[in-house]
């Protein structure tokens, strides 16, 4: 029962986040006419497409940040000429680390359940939760 509630909350939160990110991207395109590195369709697709989901979402959020900076000229040609954000770099690094820890956890739950395996899984899950909590943003 708790697992189904967890999935439901995750889906609602993911949907709300994607709607917010889509609207933020549209606003960024209005603020600065420079071409983004990825088309608007990748705002959603980048999160669900295997392999590219390891770096495309960061590129999209980074472009939105660069286009939305107050000092970014509206008629700029290339967004890469605008400085990025270290905070976004840390956010993405912690996101990837938490994702990696989650993959380890999934593999751990495939093994036979023992007291030691549950203890190890609890430690790994605590590390993953710490990484998610530590993420800025």
Protein backbone atom coordinates (compact mmCIF):
# COMPACT_ATOMS: atom_id res chain seq x y z
CA UNK A 1 0.00 0.00 0.00
CA UNK A 2 2.80 2.39 0.90
CA UNK A 3 4.63 1.56 -2.34
CA UNK A 4 1.57 2.51 -4.41
CA UNK A 5 1.23 5.78 -2.51
CA UNK A 6 4.94 6.44 -3.13
CA UNK A 7 4.51 5.84 -6.87
CA UNK A 8 1.42 8.10 -6.99
CA UNK A 9 3.20 10.94 -5.18
CA UNK A 10 6.23 10.53 -7.45
CA UNK A 11 4.10 10.70 -10.61
CA UNK A 12 2.24 13.82 -9.42
CA UNK A 13 5.50 15.52 -8.42
CA UNK A 14 7.20 14.55 -11.71
CA UNK A 15 4.24 15.88 -13.70
CA UNK A 16 4.21 19.16 -11.80
CA UNK A 17 7.97 19.53 -12.25
CA UNK A 18 7.77 18.90 -16.01
CA UNK A 19 4.94 21.42 -16.42
CA UNK A 20 6.98 23.96 -14.46
CA UNK A 21 10.13 23.24 -16.50
CA UNK A 22 8.20 23.51 -19.80
CA UNK A 23 6.79 26.90 -18.80
CA UNK A 24 10.17 28.07 -17.56
CA UNK A 25 11.70 27.15 -20.90
CA UNK A 26 9.02 29.12 -22.76
CA UNK A 27 9.68 32.12 -20.52
CA UNK A 28 13.44 31.82 -21.13
CA UNK A 29 12.85 31.82 -24.89
CA UNK A 30 10.88 35.05 -24.49
CA UNK A 31 13.59 36.68 -22.36
CA UNK A 32 16.44 35.84 -24.73
CA UNK A 33 16.21 35.04 -28.44
CA UNK A 34 19.40 32.91 -28.48
CA UNK A 35 19.01 29.32 -29.66
CA UNK A 36 18.99 26.68 -26.94
CA UNK A 37 21.18 23.59 -27.32
CA UNK A 38 18.14 21.27 -27.34
CA UNK A 39 14.67 21.75 -28.82
CA UNK A 40 11.65 22.29 -26.57
CA UNK A 41 10.55 18.65 -26.97
CA UNK A 42 13.64 17.54 -25.07
CA UNK A 43 12.37 19.37 -21.96
CA UNK A 44 10.23 16.29 -21.30
CA UNK A 45 12.00 13.70 -23.43
CA UNK A 46 15.40 14.26 -21.84
CA UNK A 47 14.20 12.85 -18.53
CA UNK A 48 12.75 9.62 -19.95
CA UNK A 49 15.12 8.79 -22.82
CA UNK A 50 17.80 6.32 -21.67
CA UNK A 51 21.46 7.31 -21.82
CA UNK A 52 20.87 10.95 -22.81
CA UNK A 53 19.00 11.43 -19.52
CA UNK A 54 22.45 11.51 -17.92
CA UNK A 55 23.28 14.93 -19.40
CA UNK A 56 20.46 16.42 -21.52
CA UNK A 57 18.35 17.58 -18.55
CA UNK A 58 21.33 19.47 -17.18
CA UNK A 59 21.92 21.13 -20.55
CA UNK A 60 18.28 22.21 -20.74
CA UNK A 61 18.21 23.65 -17.22
CA UNK A 62 21.60 25.32 -17.80
CA UNK A 63 20.33 26.99 -20.98
CA UNK A 64 17.22 28.18 -19.15
CA UNK A 65 19.42 29.63 -16.41
CA UNK A 66 21.71 31.39 -18.88
CA UNK A 67 18.79 32.84 -20.89
CA UNK A 68 17.00 34.00 -17.73
CA UNK A 69 19.88 35.90 -16.14
CA UNK A 70 19.00 39.61 -15.83
CA UNK A 71 22.22 40.69 -17.53
CA UNK A 72 21.75 38.41 -20.55
CA UNK A 73 21.01 40.54 -23.63
CA UNK A 74 17.70 39.77 -25.33
CA UNK A 75 19.28 39.65 -28.80
CA UNK A 76 22.18 37.33 -27.88
CA UNK A 77 23.34 34.82 -30.51
CA UNK A 78 24.93 32.07 -28.38
CA UNK A 79 23.88 31.16 -24.84
CA UNK A 80 27.22 29.47 -24.19
CA UNK A 81 28.84 32.91 -24.05
CA UNK A 82 26.86 33.59 -20.83
CA UNK A 83 28.46 32.23 -17.62
CA UNK A 84 26.79 29.15 -16.16
CA UNK A 85 26.07 28.38 -12.52
CA UNK A 86 28.21 26.29 -10.18
CA UNK A 87 25.10 25.64 -8.12
CA UNK A 88 23.51 23.92 -11.13
CA UNK A 89 26.64 21.82 -11.52
CA UNK A 90 26.41 20.69 -7.90
CA UNK A 91 22.69 20.00 -8.30
CA UNK A 92 23.31 17.76 -11.27
CA UNK A 93 26.32 16.00 -9.71
CA UNK A 94 24.28 15.14 -6.61
CA UNK A 95 21.34 14.07 -8.79
CA UNK A 96 23.58 11.67 -10.72
CA UNK A 97 25.16 10.35 -7.51
CA UNK A 98 21.71 9.72 -6.00
CA UNK A 99 20.59 7.99 -9.21
CA UNK A 100 23.69 5.77 -9.13
CA UNK A 101 23.07 4.85 -5.48
CA UNK A 102 19.47 4.02 -6.36
CA UNK A 103 20.67 1.62 -9.09
CA UNK A 104 22.86 -0.11 -6.47
CA UNK A 105 19.88 -0.35 -4.15
CA UNK A 106 17.70 -1.94 -6.84
CA UNK A 107 20.35 -4.62 -7.37
CA UNK A 108 20.62 -5.21 -3.62
CA UNK A 109 16.89 -5.92 -3.34
CA UNK A 110 17.20 -8.65 -5.99
CA UNK A 111 19.42 -10.71 -3.67
CA UNK A 112 17.95 -13.05 -1.06
CA UNK A 113 16.69 -11.14 1.98
CA UNK A 114 18.72 -11.60 5.14
CA UNK A 115 19.26 -9.44 8.19
CA UNK A 116 22.67 -8.39 6.85
CA UNK A 117 21.28 -7.56 3.40
CA UNK A 118 18.53 -5.42 4.96
CA UNK A 119 21.11 -3.61 7.10
CA UNK A 120 23.29 -2.95 4.04
CA UNK A 121 20.26 -1.79 2.03
CA UNK A 122 19.28 0.59 4.84
CA UNK A 123 22.78 2.11 4.81
CA UNK A 124 22.76 2.52 1.03
CA UNK A 125 19.26 4.02 1.10
CA UNK A 126 20.34 6.49 3.79
CA UNK A 127 23.27 7.57 1.62
CA UNK A 128 20.94 8.02 -1.37
CA UNK A 129 18.48 10.03 0.70
CA UNK A 130 21.30 12.22 1.97
CA UNK A 131 22.39 12.92 -1.59
CA UNK A 132 18.83 13.87 -2.58
CA UNK A 133 18.42 16.09 0.47
CA UNK A 134 21.82 17.68 -0.15
CA UNK A 135 20.88 18.70 -3.67
CA UNK A 136 20.39 22.41 -4.04
CA UNK A 137 17.04 23.24 -5.59
